[in-house]
Amino acid sequence: MSWIVLSYSLPSSPRSSPRVALWRRLRRLGAISPTGSIYILPARDECLEAFQWLAQEIRQAQGEALMMHIEQFEGLTDSQLIELFHQARREDYRELEAQITALEQTIGTAKVEDSTPYQSTLDKLQRQYADIARIDYFECLEGTLVAARLAKVGQTLRAPNLSTTTEVPPAALAEYKDRRWVTRPRPHVDRLACVWLIRRFINPVAVIRYGPQPEPDEVAFDMSDAQFGHQGNFCTFETMVLAFGLTEPGLSAISEIVHEIDLRDGRYTRPEIAGVDALLKGWLLAGLPDAELEAHGIALFEGLYAVLSYSQG
């Protein structure tokens, strides 16, 4: 397995704030420090970019920074390093669990109709969970358990008089059958699900382009200033399902899977989430071109739709 290592030094200063600020940045990145003198992240694009920016800031502060790609550490196996990442995230999840327990106890003594004030607390906890999950690079079990507890609290609070909805303008399927579509390159879960939806329910031979900017007459989705994008707490796939009024069995379950992988807010805990997430990450790590990502994505979501619509039929 490949790792990225950052080693740095800062000039002596009577003020400790630069060192403290750097330590906090490394903690927010989820880096581990087995020896106290180096910091390690898995060799992923987002981790490499984060360390590169950090190294640049260290040098601008007249410090020294050295980055290395390491395939193997002497005296530390990959499994041991992964366990160190798990230990760090377990501590984060335990702190979050304590807050969830306090919220659950408070809700337990309140009437459902009086629970509105607790939604803001749940929103804050879900954001904290999303921040931890973003750096839970090896997906420790505690994260799944915390997500389940958050989802359960959310279900308790989502009474009819407490539910909030985002108005999604309707769109007529017939008006989009012959349109050209565009979204960002390197499609991941939300965009791949939207591509499948377009080919499954709008036009199986639709022209879908991957590029940074839409051209005239193209329908943009899941990109800046797109006609279809995130709205409220909905990901783009959810927005399109609502806009086109699609109610076929299985789409609700797929929406939950896509929502959780894309937003990681702990709202849904379907058993398919972890497997689908791992598969999608594997395709990106393999460097598949956009056309192959699209083909694999359509096959994946078609299979999910078949099994989920069958189970709900």
Protein backbone atom coordinates (compact mmCIF):
# COMPACT_ATOMS: atom_id res chain seq x y z
CA MET A 1 0.00 0.00 0.00
CA SER A 2 1.20 3.54 -0.73
CA TRP A 3 1.42 6.33 1.83
CA ILE A 4 2.23 10.04 1.81
CA VAL A 5 4.52 11.31 4.56
CA LEU A 6 5.02 14.91 5.66
CA SER A 7 7.95 15.94 7.84
CA TYR A 8 8.40 19.58 8.78
CA SER A 9 10.08 22.06 11.08
CA LEU A 10 9.19 25.63 11.99
CA PRO A 11 11.59 28.35 13.13
CA SER A 12 11.84 28.94 16.86
CA SER A 13 9.36 31.53 18.02
CA PRO A 14 8.20 32.83 21.39
CA ARG A 15 4.67 32.39 20.12
CA SER A 16 3.29 28.86 19.87
CA SER A 17 0.27 29.80 17.77
CA PRO A 18 1.77 28.77 14.38
CA ARG A 19 2.62 25.33 15.74
CA VAL A 20 -0.78 24.92 17.34
CA ALA A 21 -2.52 26.04 14.15
CA LEU A 22 -0.50 23.54 12.10
CA TRP A 23 -1.27 20.74 14.55
CA ARG A 24 -4.97 21.52 14.29
CA ARG A 25 -4.77 21.50 10.48
CA LEU A 26 -3.11 18.08 10.52
CA ARG A 27 -5.76 16.81 12.91
CA ARG A 28 -8.55 18.06 10.63
CA LEU A 29 -6.90 16.22 7.75
CA GLY A 30 -6.97 12.99 9.77
CA ALA A 31 -3.19 12.51 9.60
CA ILE A 32 -1.56 10.12 12.07
CA SER A 33 1.86 10.52 13.66
CA PRO A 34 3.35 7.18 14.78
CA THR A 35 6.62 8.74 15.97
CA GLY A 36 5.66 12.34 16.68
CA SER A 37 7.98 13.70 13.99
CA ILE A 38 6.23 12.62 10.80
CA TYR A 39 2.60 12.69 9.64
CA ILE A 40 1.04 10.07 7.40
CA LEU A 41 -1.96 9.93 5.08
CA PRO A 42 -2.95 7.31 2.50
CA ALA A 43 -1.67 8.05 -1.01
CA ARG A 44 -4.88 9.49 -2.45
CA ASP A 45 -5.25 12.52 -4.66
CA GLU A 46 -7.10 14.60 -2.07
CA CYS A 47 -4.53 13.73 0.62
CA LEU A 48 -1.62 14.59 -1.64
CA GLU A 49 -3.15 17.94 -2.51
CA ALA A 50 -3.83 18.71 1.16
CA PHE A 51 -0.22 17.97 2.16
CA GLN A 52 1.08 20.00 -0.78
CA TRP A 53 -0.86 23.08 0.33
CA LEU A 54 0.28 22.56 3.90
CA ALA A 55 3.92 22.22 2.84
CA GLN A 56 3.63 25.44 0.86
CA GLU A 57 2.27 27.29 3.89
CA ILE A 58 5.07 25.92 6.08
CA ARG A 59 7.70 27.19 3.63
CA GLN A 60 5.99 30.58 3.44
CA ALA A 61 6.31 30.73 7.23
CA GLN A 62 10.09 30.26 6.81
CA GLY A 63 9.87 26.62 7.86
CA GLU A 64 11.03 23.47 6.11
CA ALA A 65 8.77 20.73 4.75
CA LEU A 66 9.58 17.42 3.13
CA MET A 67 7.01 15.18 1.44
CA MET A 68 7.64 11.54 0.58
CA HIS A 69 5.81 8.67 -1.05
CA ILE A 70 6.39 5.50 0.98
CA GLU A 71 5.47 1.97 -0.05
CA GLN A 72 6.49 0.25 3.20
CA PHE A 73 7.63 1.30 6.67
CA GLU A 74 10.30 -0.62 8.54
CA GLY A 75 8.69 -2.06 11.66
CA LEU A 76 5.15 -0.98 10.75
CA THR A 77 2.85 -3.06 8.58
CA ASP A 78 0.00 -1.61 6.54
CA SER A 79 -2.45 -3.30 8.93
CA GLN A 80 -0.82 -1.61 11.91
CA LEU A 81 -0.97 1.78 10.21
CA ILE A 82 -4.63 1.29 9.32
CA GLU A 83 -5.32 0.39 12.94
CA LEU A 84 -3.73 3.68 14.01
CA PHE A 85 -6.13 5.49 11.69
CA HIS A 86 -8.99 3.48 13.19
CA GLN A 87 -7.93 4.38 16.73
CA ALA A 88 -7.89 8.08 15.91
CA ARG A 89 -11.33 7.98 14.38
CA ARG A 90 -12.73 5.85 17.22
CA GLU A 91 -11.86 8.64 19.62
CA ASP A 92 -13.66 11.15 17.41
CA TYR A 93 -16.72 8.93 17.10
CA ARG A 94 -16.81 8.29 20.88
CA GLU A 95 -16.92 12.03 21.55
CA LEU A 96 -19.75 12.35 19.05
CA GLU A 97 -21.59 9.37 20.57
CA ALA A 98 -21.62 11.08 23.96
CA GLN A 99 -23.40 14.06 22.41
CA ILE A 100 -25.86 11.77 20.60
CA THR A 101 -26.65 10.01 23.88
CA ALA A 102 -27.37 13.34 25.54
CA LEU A 103 -29.68 14.34 22.67
CA GLU A 104 -31.48 10.97 22.76
CA GLN A 105 -32.08 11.31 26.50
CA THR A 106 -33.45 14.82 26.06
CA ILE A 107 -35.74 13.79 23.21
CA GLY A 108 -36.94 10.83 25.26
CA THR A 109 -38.43 13.20 27.83
CA ALA A 110 -40.00 15.53 25.25
CA LYS A 111 -43.23 15.23 23.29
CA VAL A 112 -42.82 14.85 19.54
CA GLU A 113 -44.65 18.10 18.89
CA ASP A 114 -42.13 19.91 21.11
CA SER A 115 -39.05 18.49 19.37
CA THR A 116 -38.45 21.27 16.84
CA PRO A 117 -35.60 22.89 18.84
CA TYR A 118 -33.69 19.59 18.81
CA GLN A 119 -33.48 19.46 15.02
CA SER A 120 -30.76 22.13 15.02
CA THR A 121 -28.76 20.04 17.49
CA LEU A 122 -29.16 16.99 15.27
CA ASP A 123 -28.06 19.03 12.24
CA LYS A 124 -24.92 20.06 14.11
CA LEU A 125 -24.18 16.46 15.07
CA GLN A 126 -24.69 15.31 11.50
CA ARG A 127 -22.21 17.93 10.30
CA GLN A 128 -19.72 16.72 12.89
CA TYR A 129 -20.26 13.16 11.70
CA ALA A 130 -19.71 14.22 8.08
CA ASP A 131 -16.43 15.92 9.06
CA ILE A 132 -15.21 12.76 10.79
CA ALA A 133 -16.41 10.43 8.01
CA ARG A 134 -14.54 12.55 5.45
CA ILE A 135 -11.22 11.62 7.12
CA ASP A 136 -12.26 8.09 8.12
CA TYR A 137 -10.15 6.79 5.28
CA PHE A 138 -10.49 3.13 6.23
CA GLU A 139 -14.10 3.23 7.45
CA CYS A 140 -13.92 1.89 10.99
CA LEU A 141 -16.95 0.07 12.35
CA GLU A 142 -17.76 2.77 14.89
CA GLY A 143 -18.60 5.15 12.07
CA THR A 144 -21.35 2.86 10.81
CA LEU A 145 -22.80 2.54 14.31
CA VAL A 146 -22.79 6.31 14.82
CA ALA A 147 -24.47 6.84 11.44
CA ALA A 148 -27.21 4.39 12.45
CA ARG A 149 -27.82 6.24 15.72
CA LEU A 150 -28.03 9.59 13.95
CA ALA A 151 -30.47 8.15 11.43
CA LYS A 152 -32.62 6.79 14.25
CA VAL A 153 -32.70 10.19 15.97
CA GLY A 154 -33.64 11.78 12.67
CA GLN A 155 -36.53 9.37 12.23
CA THR A 156 -37.75 10.26 15.71
CA LEU A 157 -37.75 13.95 14.89
CA ARG A 158 -39.21 13.69 11.40
CA ALA A 159 -42.82 13.87 12.49
CA PRO A 160 -45.28 15.31 9.93
CA ASN A 161 -45.45 18.67 11.69
CA LEU A 162 -41.68 18.90 11.94
CA SER A 163 -40.70 17.85 8.44
CA THR A 164 -39.14 20.47 6.22
CA THR A 165 -39.34 20.23 2.46
CA THR A 166 -37.45 21.90 -0.31
CA GLU A 167 -39.57 22.95 -3.24
CA VAL A 168 -38.18 21.44 -6.44
CA PRO A 169 -39.65 22.97 -9.63
CA PRO A 170 -41.32 20.31 -11.81
CA ALA A 171 -39.82 19.35 -15.17
CA ALA A 172 -41.66 17.62 -18.02
CA LEU A 173 -39.94 14.46 -19.26
CA ALA A 174 -41.12 15.09 -22.84
CA GLU A 175 -39.25 18.40 -22.97
CA TYR A 176 -35.92 16.70 -22.24
CA LYS A 177 -36.05 13.61 -24.46
CA ASP A 178 -33.99 15.18 -27.26
CA ARG A 179 -31.76 17.45 -25.20
CA ARG A 180 -27.98 17.26 -24.85
CA TRP A 181 -26.57 16.98 -21.33
CA VAL A 182 -23.31 18.01 -19.66
CA THR A 183 -21.68 17.47 -16.27
CA ARG A 184 -18.22 17.64 -14.74
CA PRO A 185 -15.50 15.13 -15.70
CA ARG A 186 -14.54 12.22 -13.44
CA PRO A 187 -18.16 11.37 -12.55
CA HIS A 188 -18.72 9.92 -9.09
CA VAL A 189 -21.79 8.67 -7.28
CA ASP A 190 -24.26 11.55 -7.78
CA ARG A 191 -23.37 12.21 -11.41
CA LEU A 192 -23.25 8.51 -12.31
CA ALA A 193 -26.68 7.99 -10.76
CA CYS A 194 -28.01 10.96 -12.74
CA VAL A 195 -26.54 9.58 -15.97
CA TRP A 196 -28.27 6.27 -15.29
CA LEU A 197 -31.54 8.09 -14.56
CA ILE A 198 -31.30 10.05 -17.82
CA ARG A 199 -30.69 6.92 -19.88
CA ARG A 200 -33.25 4.84 -17.95
CA PHE A 201 -36.18 7.26 -17.83
CA ILE A 202 -35.58 10.10 -20.31
CA ASN A 203 -33.57 9.00 -23.35
CA PRO A 204 -31.50 5.78 -23.54
CA VAL A 205 -29.31 7.26 -26.29
CA ALA A 206 -28.99 10.76 -24.86
CA VAL A 207 -25.77 12.66 -25.63
CA ILE A 208 -24.00 13.26 -22.31
CA ARG A 209 -20.77 15.23 -22.35
CA TYR A 210 -18.18 15.60 -19.57
CA GLY A 211 -16.66 19.06 -19.45
CA PRO A 212 -16.02 22.07 -17.19
CA GLN A 213 -18.57 24.38 -18.82
CA PRO A 214 -21.90 23.86 -20.59
CA GLU A 215 -22.28 24.75 -24.24
CA PRO A 216 -25.36 26.51 -25.64
CA ASP A 217 -28.54 24.42 -25.42
CA GLU A 218 -26.94 21.79 -23.13
CA VAL A 219 -28.70 20.81 -19.91
CA ALA A 220 -26.16 21.01 -17.09
CA PHE A 221 -26.43 18.82 -14.00
CA ASP A 222 -24.38 18.54 -10.81
CA MET A 223 -22.07 21.42 -11.68
CA SER A 224 -21.89 25.15 -11.04
CA ASP A 225 -25.05 27.04 -12.08
CA ALA A 226 -26.61 23.81 -13.35
CA GLN A 227 -30.27 23.44 -14.16
CA PHE A 228 -30.29 20.35 -11.95
CA GLY A 229 -28.11 20.40 -8.86
CA HIS A 230 -28.18 20.18 -5.08
CA GLN A 231 -31.21 21.85 -3.53
CA GLY A 232 -31.57 22.15 0.21
CA ASN A 233 -30.56 18.80 1.65
CA PHE A 234 -31.16 17.01 -1.64
CA CYS A 235 -28.32 15.76 -3.83
CA THR A 236 -28.69 16.18 -7.60
CA PHE A 237 -30.11 12.69 -8.11
CA GLU A 238 -32.84 13.36 -5.53
CA THR A 239 -33.56 16.71 -7.17
CA MET A 240 -34.01 15.09 -10.60
CA VAL A 241 -36.21 12.31 -9.25
CA LEU A 242 -38.48 14.91 -7.63
CA ALA A 243 -38.40 17.30 -10.60
CA PHE A 244 -39.50 14.61 -13.06
CA GLY A 245 -42.04 13.15 -10.64
CA LEU A 246 -40.54 9.65 -10.78
CA THR A 247 -42.16 7.28 -8.32
CA GLU A 248 -41.07 3.86 -9.60
CA PRO A 249 -40.28 1.25 -6.92
CA GLY A 250 -36.61 1.20 -6.04
CA LEU A 251 -35.87 4.87 -6.78
CA SER A 252 -36.44 5.91 -3.18
CA ALA A 253 -33.90 3.35 -1.94
CA ILE A 254 -31.37 4.39 -4.61
CA SER A 255 -31.89 8.02 -3.61
CA GLU A 256 -30.98 7.17 -0.02
CA ILE A 257 -27.82 5.31 -1.12
CA VAL A 258 -26.67 8.13 -3.39
CA HIS A 259 -27.53 10.79 -0.80
CA GLU A 260 -25.45 9.17 1.95
CA ILE A 261 -22.41 8.45 -0.21
CA ASP A 262 -22.49 11.95 -1.69
CA LEU A 263 -23.34 14.02 1.41
CA ARG A 264 -22.25 11.71 4.26
CA ASP A 265 -24.61 13.41 6.69
CA GLY A 266 -25.67 10.23 8.49
CA ARG A 267 -29.27 10.60 7.32
CA TYR A 268 -29.51 7.10 5.83
CA THR A 269 -27.90 3.80 6.82
CA ARG A 270 -28.94 1.32 4.14
CA PRO A 271 -26.81 -1.86 4.08
CA GLU A 272 -25.86 -1.34 0.42
CA ILE A 273 -24.10 1.98 1.10
CA ALA A 274 -20.68 0.67 2.18
CA GLY A 275 -20.34 -1.76 -0.74
CA VAL A 276 -21.45 0.74 -3.39
CA ASP A 277 -19.16 3.40 -1.91
CA ALA A 278 -16.15 1.06 -1.95
CA LEU A 279 -16.83 0.01 -5.55
CA LEU A 280 -17.09 3.61 -6.77
CA LYS A 281 -13.89 4.58 -4.96
CA GLY A 282 -12.14 1.62 -6.53
CA TRP A 283 -13.04 2.78 -10.04
CA LEU A 284 -11.68 6.24 -9.35
CA LEU A 285 -8.48 4.86 -7.82
CA ALA A 286 -8.07 2.64 -10.89
CA GLY A 287 -8.09 5.78 -13.05
CA LEU A 288 -10.86 4.62 -15.38
CA PRO A 289 -11.70 7.12 -18.14
CA ASP A 290 -15.05 8.90 -18.06
CA ALA A 291 -16.61 6.61 -20.67
CA GLU A 292 -15.76 3.51 -18.64
CA LEU A 293 -16.92 5.13 -15.41
CA GLU A 294 -20.24 5.86 -17.12
CA ALA A 295 -20.60 2.30 -18.45
CA HIS A 296 -19.77 0.75 -15.09
CA GLY A 297 -22.01 3.22 -13.28
CA ILE A 298 -25.00 2.47 -15.49
CA ALA A 299 -24.53 -1.26 -14.96
CA LEU A 300 -24.23 -0.75 -11.20
CA PHE A 301 -27.35 1.37 -10.83
CA GLU A 302 -29.33 -0.82 -13.21
CA GLY A 303 -28.49 -3.79 -11.01
CA LEU A 304 -29.43 -1.89 -7.86
CA TYR A 305 -32.68 -0.77 -9.46
CA ALA A 306 -33.54 -4.33 -10.44
CA VAL A 307 -33.02 -5.77 -6.98
CA LEU A 308 -34.46 -2.84 -5.03
CA SER A 309 -37.54 -2.46 -7.21
CA TYR A 310 -38.09 -6.24 -6.94
CA SER A 311 -37.86 -6.12 -3.14
CA GLN A 312 -40.36 -3.23 -3.04
CA GLY A 313 -42.67 -4.64 -5.66
